[in-house]
Amino acid sequence: MKTFTAVIEKDKDTGLYVGYVPGFPGAHPQGETLDELRRNLKEVIEMLLEEDVPPVETEFVGTQQIIVA
């Protein structure tokens, strides 16, 4: 069993939640709810692992706010 950290954002235009897992470039599932997004993220990760797409080894560190004038 492996644990992956997902980054989740909410698209203001569509109202959808969009997620991605660092280390799996190109995989950005969406969902109308956080539960739907979680299911979609799990499905995408399982599919990539079945296809032997190795995740890039990354470690989630955190987020930062950058102020630009």
PDB file of N, CA and C in Angstrom:
ATOM      1  N   MET A   1       0.838  -1.171   0.000  1.00  0.00           N
ATOM      2  CA  MET A   1       0.000   0.000   0.000  1.00  0.00           C
ATOM      3  C   MET A   1       0.888   1.241   0.000  1.00  0.00           C
ATOM      4  N   LYS A   2       0.601   2.178  -0.900  1.00  0.00           N
ATOM      5  CA  LYS A   2       1.378   3.408  -1.007  1.00  0.00           C
ATOM      6  C   LYS A   2       0.475   4.600  -0.733  1.00  0.00           C
ATOM      7  N   THR A   3       1.049   5.646  -0.207  1.00  0.00           N
ATOM      8  CA  THR A   3       0.323   6.882   0.052  1.00  0.00           C
ATOM      9  C   THR A   3       0.893   7.984  -0.818  1.00  0.00           C
ATOM     10  N   PHE A   4       0.012   8.724  -1.470  1.00  0.00           N
ATOM     11  CA  PHE A   4       0.408   9.828  -2.323  1.00  0.00           C
ATOM     12  C   PHE A   4      -0.264  11.102  -1.815  1.00  0.00           C
ATOM     13  N   THR A   5       0.408  12.225  -1.941  1.00  0.00           N
ATOM     14  CA  THR A   5      -0.145  13.517  -1.561  1.00  0.00           C
ATOM     15  C   THR A   5      -0.645  14.220  -2.811  1.00  0.00           C
ATOM     16  N   ALA A   6      -1.892  14.668  -2.776  1.00  0.00           N
ATOM     17  CA  ALA A   6      -2.475  15.371  -3.910  1.00  0.00           C
ATOM     18  C   ALA A   6      -2.610  16.853  -3.597  1.00  0.00           C
ATOM     19  N   VAL A   7      -2.410  17.663  -4.618  1.00  0.00           N
ATOM     20  CA  VAL A   7      -2.641  19.100  -4.531  1.00  0.00           C
ATOM     21  C   VAL A   7      -4.006  19.349  -5.160  1.00  0.00           C
ATOM     22  N   ILE A   8      -4.856  20.093  -4.457  1.00  0.00           N
ATOM     23  CA  ILE A   8      -6.226  20.311  -4.916  1.00  0.00           C
ATOM     24  C   ILE A   8      -6.485  21.807  -5.040  1.00  0.00           C
ATOM     25  N   GLU A   9      -7.082  22.174  -6.162  1.00  0.00           N
ATOM     26  CA  GLU A   9      -7.455  23.553  -6.420  1.00  0.00           C
ATOM     27  C   GLU A   9      -8.909  23.583  -6.887  1.00  0.00           C
ATOM     28  N   LYS A  10      -9.541  24.735  -6.781  1.00  0.00           N
ATOM     29  CA  LYS A  10     -10.901  24.881  -7.298  1.00  0.00           C
ATOM     30  C   LYS A  10     -10.873  25.876  -8.446  1.00  0.00           C
ATOM     31  N   ASP A  11     -11.341  25.437  -9.601  1.00  0.00           N
ATOM     32  CA  ASP A  11     -11.376  26.278 -10.790  1.00  0.00           C
ATOM     33  C   ASP A  11     -12.541  27.259 -10.663  1.00  0.00           C
ATOM     34  N   LYS A  12     -12.235  28.542 -10.648  1.00  0.00           N
ATOM     35  CA  LYS A  12     -13.284  29.559 -10.473  1.00  0.00           C
ATOM     36  C   LYS A  12     -14.229  29.627 -11.662  1.00  0.00           C
ATOM     37  N   ASP A  13     -13.747  29.295 -12.849  1.00  0.00           N
ATOM     38  CA  ASP A  13     -14.596  29.358 -14.045  1.00  0.00           C
ATOM     39  C   ASP A  13     -15.606  28.217 -14.099  1.00  0.00           C
ATOM     40  N   THR A  14     -15.155  27.013 -13.785  1.00  0.00           N
ATOM     41  CA  THR A  14     -16.032  25.839 -13.898  1.00  0.00           C
ATOM     42  C   THR A  14     -16.648  25.423 -12.576  1.00  0.00           C
ATOM     43  N   GLY A  15     -16.038  25.852 -11.466  1.00  0.00           N
ATOM     44  CA  GLY A  15     -16.515  25.415 -10.148  1.00  0.00           C
ATOM     45  C   GLY A  15     -16.059  24.009  -9.790  1.00  0.00           C
ATOM     46  N   LEU A  16     -15.251  23.387 -10.649  1.00  0.00           N
ATOM     47  CA  LEU A  16     -14.779  22.023 -10.410  1.00  0.00           C
ATOM     48  C   LEU A  16     -13.517  22.027  -9.560  1.00  0.00           C
ATOM     49  N   TYR A  17     -13.367  20.959  -8.779  1.00  0.00           N
ATOM     50  CA  TYR A  17     -12.126  20.722  -8.063  1.00  0.00           C
ATOM     51  C   TYR A  17     -11.170  20.006  -9.018  1.00  0.00           C
ATOM     52  N   VAL A  18      -9.934  20.437  -9.042  1.00  0.00           N
ATOM     53  CA  VAL A  18      -8.918  19.839  -9.904  1.00  0.00           C
ATOM     54  C   VAL A  18      -7.769  19.399  -9.005  1.00  0.00           C
ATOM     55  N   GLY A  19      -7.291  18.189  -9.217  1.00  0.00           N
ATOM     56  CA  GLY A  19      -6.211  17.687  -8.387  1.00  0.00           C
ATOM     57  C   GLY A  19      -5.084  17.112  -9.211  1.00  0.00           C
ATOM     58  N   TYR A  20      -3.922  17.091  -8.606  1.00  0.00           N
ATOM     59  CA  TYR A  20      -2.796  16.404  -9.227  1.00  0.00           C
ATOM     60  C   TYR A  20      -1.864  15.915  -8.137  1.00  0.00           C
ATOM     61  N   VAL A  21      -1.121  14.897  -8.482  1.00  0.00           N
ATOM     62  CA  VAL A  21      -0.148  14.322  -7.563  1.00  0.00           C
ATOM     63  C   VAL A  21       1.235  14.643  -8.102  1.00  0.00           C
ATOM     64  N   PRO A  22       2.028  15.404  -7.345  1.00  0.00           N
ATOM     65  CA  PRO A  22       3.394  15.665  -7.800  1.00  0.00           C
ATOM     66  C   PRO A  22       4.104  14.342  -8.095  1.00  0.00           C
ATOM     67  N   GLY A  23       4.766  14.288  -9.210  1.00  0.00           N
ATOM     68  CA  GLY A  23       5.444  13.058  -9.596  1.00  0.00           C
ATOM     69  C   GLY A  23       4.716  12.314 -10.694  1.00  0.00           C
ATOM     70  N   PHE A  24       3.446  12.668 -10.943  1.00  0.00           N
ATOM     71  CA  PHE A  24       2.679  12.088 -12.044  1.00  0.00           C
ATOM     72  C   PHE A  24       2.287  13.220 -12.999  1.00  0.00           C
ATOM     73  N   PRO A  25       3.214  13.703 -13.820  1.00  0.00           N
ATOM     74  CA  PRO A  25       2.908  14.822 -14.709  1.00  0.00           C
ATOM     75  C   PRO A  25       1.808  14.454 -15.703  1.00  0.00           C
ATOM     76  N   GLY A  26       0.949  15.423 -15.970  1.00  0.00           N
ATOM     77  CA  GLY A  26      -0.096  15.229 -16.966  1.00  0.00           C
ATOM     78  C   GLY A  26      -1.383  14.646 -16.431  1.00  0.00           C
ATOM     79  N   ALA A  27      -1.411  14.188 -15.208  1.00  0.00           N
ATOM     80  CA  ALA A  27      -2.625  13.608 -14.628  1.00  0.00           C
ATOM     81  C   ALA A  27      -3.291  14.662 -13.755  1.00  0.00           C
ATOM     82  N   HIS A  28      -4.412  15.221 -14.254  1.00  0.00           N
ATOM     83  CA  HIS A  28      -5.122  16.276 -13.536  1.00  0.00           C
ATOM     84  C   HIS A  28      -6.624  15.982 -13.531  1.00  0.00           C
ATOM     85  N   PRO A  29      -7.077  14.985 -12.774  1.00  0.00           N
ATOM     86  CA  PRO A  29      -8.509  14.691 -12.761  1.00  0.00           C
ATOM     87  C   PRO A  29      -9.306  15.814 -12.107  1.00  0.00           C
ATOM     88  N   GLN A  30     -10.615  15.804 -12.392  1.00  0.00           N
ATOM     89  CA  GLN A  30     -11.517  16.813 -11.861  1.00  0.00           C
ATOM     90  C   GLN A  30     -12.692  16.131 -11.170  1.00  0.00           C
ATOM     91  N   GLY A  31     -13.433  16.920 -10.386  1.00  0.00           N
ATOM     92  CA  GLY A  31     -14.639  16.412  -9.754  1.00  0.00           C
ATOM     93  C   GLY A  31     -15.508  17.561  -9.286  1.00  0.00           C
ATOM     94  N   GLU A  32     -16.816  17.322  -9.278  1.00  0.00           N
ATOM     95  CA  GLU A  32     -17.747  18.338  -8.789  1.00  0.00           C
ATOM     96  C   GLU A  32     -17.695  18.464  -7.272  1.00  0.00           C
ATOM     97  N   THR A  33     -17.291  17.386  -6.603  1.00  0.00           N
ATOM     98  CA  THR A  33     -17.152  17.384  -5.148  1.00  0.00           C
ATOM     99  C   THR A  33     -15.768  16.859  -4.796  1.00  0.00           C
ATOM    100  N   LEU A  34     -15.357  17.092  -3.556  1.00  0.00           N
ATOM    101  CA  LEU A  34     -14.059  16.558  -3.113  1.00  0.00           C
ATOM    102  C   LEU A  34     -14.069  15.035  -3.100  1.00  0.00           C
ATOM    103  N   ASP A  35     -15.207  14.435  -2.766  1.00  0.00           N
ATOM    104  CA  ASP A  35     -15.289  12.969  -2.787  1.00  0.00           C
ATOM    105  C   ASP A  35     -15.126  12.429  -4.202  1.00  0.00           C
ATOM    106  N   GLU A  36     -15.780  13.079  -5.168  1.00  0.00           N
ATOM    107  CA  GLU A  36     -15.649  12.646  -6.559  1.00  0.00           C
ATOM    108  C   GLU A  36     -14.208  12.821  -7.031  1.00  0.00           C
ATOM    109  N   LEU A  37     -13.591  13.941  -6.661  1.00  0.00           N
ATOM    110  CA  LEU A  37     -12.198  14.157  -7.041  1.00  0.00           C
ATOM    111  C   LEU A  37     -11.296  13.100  -6.432  1.00  0.00           C
ATOM    112  N   ARG A  38     -11.515  12.754  -5.167  1.00  0.00           N
ATOM    113  CA  ARG A  38     -10.696  11.723  -4.505  1.00  0.00           C
ATOM    114  C   ARG A  38     -10.806  10.394  -5.252  1.00  0.00           C
ATOM    115  N   ARG A  39     -12.025  10.021  -5.642  1.00  0.00           N
ATOM    116  CA  ARG A  39     -12.210   8.772  -6.405  1.00  0.00           C
ATOM    117  C   ARG A  39     -11.478   8.845  -7.743  1.00  0.00           C
ATOM    118  N   ASN A  40     -11.591   9.993  -8.412  1.00  0.00           N
ATOM    119  CA  ASN A  40     -10.938  10.146  -9.716  1.00  0.00           C
ATOM    120  C   ASN A  40      -9.420  10.140  -9.594  1.00  0.00           C
ATOM    121  N   LEU A  41      -8.899  10.773  -8.550  1.00  0.00           N
ATOM    122  CA  LEU A  41      -7.451  10.741  -8.314  1.00  0.00           C
ATOM    123  C   LEU A  41      -6.978   9.309  -8.087  1.00  0.00           C
ATOM    124  N   LYS A  42      -7.703   8.578  -7.265  1.00  0.00           N
ATOM    125  CA  LYS A  42      -7.330   7.188  -6.973  1.00  0.00           C
ATOM    126  C   LYS A  42      -7.338   6.355  -8.252  1.00  0.00           C
ATOM    127  N   GLU A  43      -8.355   6.547  -9.075  1.00  0.00           N
ATOM    128  CA  GLU A  43      -8.466   5.799 -10.324  1.00  0.00           C
ATOM    129  C   GLU A  43      -7.290   6.096 -11.253  1.00  0.00           C
ATOM    130  N   VAL A  44      -6.926   7.361 -11.379  1.00  0.00           N
ATOM    131  CA  VAL A  44      -5.818   7.747 -12.248  1.00  0.00           C
ATOM    132  C   VAL A  44      -4.501   7.169 -11.729  1.00  0.00           C
ATOM    133  N   ILE A  45      -4.274   7.261 -10.425  1.00  0.00           N
ATOM    134  CA  ILE A  45      -3.031   6.722  -9.850  1.00  0.00           C
ATOM    135  C   ILE A  45      -2.957   5.213 -10.064  1.00  0.00           C
ATOM    136  N   GLU A  46      -4.062   4.503  -9.805  1.00  0.00           N
ATOM    137  CA  GLU A  46      -4.078   3.054 -10.008  1.00  0.00           C
ATOM    138  C   GLU A  46      -3.785   2.702 -11.463  1.00  0.00           C
ATOM    139  N   MET A  47      -4.385   3.452 -12.388  1.00  0.00           N
ATOM    140  CA  MET A  47      -4.168   3.201 -13.815  1.00  0.00           C
ATOM    141  C   MET A  47      -2.699   3.409 -14.185  1.00  0.00           C
ATOM    142  N   LEU A  48      -2.114   4.502 -13.702  1.00  0.00           N
ATOM    143  CA  LEU A  48      -0.710   4.773 -14.018  1.00  0.00           C
ATOM    144  C   LEU A  48       0.213   3.708 -13.425  1.00  0.00           C
ATOM    145  N   LEU A  49      -0.088   3.258 -12.222  1.00  0.00           N
ATOM    146  CA  LEU A  49       0.739   2.212 -11.605  1.00  0.00           C
ATOM    147  C   LEU A  49       0.589   0.882 -12.334  1.00  0.00           C
ATOM    148  N   GLU A  50      -0.628   0.575 -12.815  1.00  0.00           N
ATOM    149  CA  GLU A  50      -0.838  -0.661 -13.587  1.00  0.00           C
ATOM    150  C   GLU A  50      -0.066  -0.629 -14.897  1.00  0.00           C
ATOM    151  N   GLU A  51       0.054   0.567 -15.487  1.00  0.00           N
ATOM    152  CA  GLU A  51       0.781   0.715 -16.747  1.00  0.00           C
ATOM    153  C   GLU A  51       2.281   0.845 -16.520  1.00  0.00           C
ATOM    154  N   ASP A  52       2.708   0.631 -15.278  1.00  0.00           N
ATOM    155  CA  ASP A  52       4.125   0.722 -14.910  1.00  0.00           C
ATOM    156  C   ASP A  52       4.725   2.096 -15.192  1.00  0.00           C
ATOM    157  N   VAL A  53       3.905   3.133 -15.034  1.00  0.00           N
ATOM    158  CA  VAL A  53       4.422   4.496 -15.129  1.00  0.00           C
ATOM    159  C   VAL A  53       4.967   4.842 -13.746  1.00  0.00           C
ATOM    160  N   PRO A  54       6.281   4.845 -13.595  1.00  0.00           N
ATOM    161  CA  PRO A  54       6.835   5.100 -12.268  1.00  0.00           C
ATOM    162  C   PRO A  54       6.686   6.569 -11.880  1.00  0.00           C
ATOM    163  N   PRO A  55       6.215   6.815 -10.678  1.00  0.00           N
ATOM    164  CA  PRO A  55       6.149   8.209 -10.236  1.00  0.00           C
ATOM    165  C   PRO A  55       7.547   8.762 -10.017  1.00  0.00           C
ATOM    166  N   VAL A  56       7.713  10.033 -10.310  1.00  0.00           N
ATOM    167  CA  VAL A  56       8.968  10.700 -10.005  1.00  0.00           C
ATOM    168  C   VAL A  56       9.017  10.849  -8.487  1.00  0.00           C
ATOM    169  N   GLU A  57      10.096  10.457  -7.882  1.00  0.00           N
ATOM    170  CA  GLU A  57      10.198  10.524  -6.427  1.00  0.00           C
ATOM    171  C   GLU A  57      10.222  11.962  -5.955  1.00  0.00           C
ATOM    172  N   THR A  58       9.157  12.368  -5.316  1.00  0.00           N
ATOM    173  CA  THR A  58       9.065  13.713  -4.760  1.00  0.00           C
ATOM    174  C   THR A  58       8.553  13.610  -3.337  1.00  0.00           C
ATOM    175  N   GLU A  59       8.747  14.645  -2.588  1.00  0.00           N
ATOM    176  CA  GLU A  59       8.238  14.717  -1.223  1.00  0.00           C
ATOM    177  C   GLU A  59       7.531  16.044  -1.069  1.00  0.00           C
ATOM    178  N   PHE A  60       6.244  15.999  -0.697  1.00  0.00           N
ATOM    179  CA  PHE A  60       5.494  17.237  -0.507  1.00  0.00           C
ATOM    180  C   PHE A  60       6.089  17.997   0.661  1.00  0.00           C
ATOM    181  N   VAL A  61       6.418  19.257   0.436  1.00  0.00           N
ATOM    182  CA  VAL A  61       7.048  20.081   1.458  1.00  0.00           C
ATOM    183  C   VAL A  61       6.066  21.095   2.019  1.00  0.00           C
ATOM    184  N   GLY A  62       5.259  21.693   1.173  1.00  0.00           N
ATOM    185  CA  GLY A  62       4.298  22.677   1.650  1.00  0.00           C
ATOM    186  C   GLY A  62       3.953  23.655   0.551  1.00  0.00           C
ATOM    187  N   THR A  63       3.336  24.743   0.945  1.00  0.00           N
ATOM    188  CA  THR A  63       2.977  25.777  -0.005  1.00  0.00           C
ATOM    189  C   THR A  63       3.549  27.115   0.482  1.00  0.00           C
ATOM    190  N   GLN A  64       3.658  28.033  -0.442  1.00  0.00           N
ATOM    191  CA  GLN A  64       4.131  29.373  -0.095  1.00  0.00           C
ATOM    192  C   GLN A  64       3.295  30.371  -0.869  1.00  0.00           C
ATOM    193  N   GLN A  65       3.041  31.511  -0.248  1.00  0.00           N
ATOM    194  CA  GLN A  65       2.396  32.605  -0.945  1.00  0.00           C
ATOM    195  C   GLN A  65       3.483  33.576  -1.409  1.00  0.00           C
ATOM    196  N   ILE A  66       3.410  33.931  -2.664  1.00  0.00           N
ATOM    197  CA  ILE A  66       4.376  34.846  -3.245  1.00  0.00           C
ATOM    198  C   ILE A  66       3.633  36.135  -3.608  1.00  0.00           C
ATOM    199  N   ILE A  67       4.068  37.246  -3.102  1.00  0.00           N
ATOM    200  CA  ILE A  67       3.434  38.528  -3.381  1.00  0.00           C
ATOM    201  C   ILE A  67       4.205  39.207  -4.491  1.00  0.00           C
ATOM    202  N   VAL A  68       3.478  39.594  -5.537  1.00  0.00           N
ATOM    203  CA  VAL A  68       4.085  40.269  -6.677  1.00  0.00           C
ATOM    204  C   VAL A  68       3.377  41.598  -6.860  1.00  0.00           C
ATOM    205  N   ALA A  69       4.132  42.667  -6.942  1.00  0.00           N
ATOM    206  CA  ALA A  69       3.536  44.007  -7.095  1.00  0.00           C
ATOM    207  C   ALA A  69       3.134  44.264  -8.521  1.00  0.00           C
TER     208      ALA A  69
END
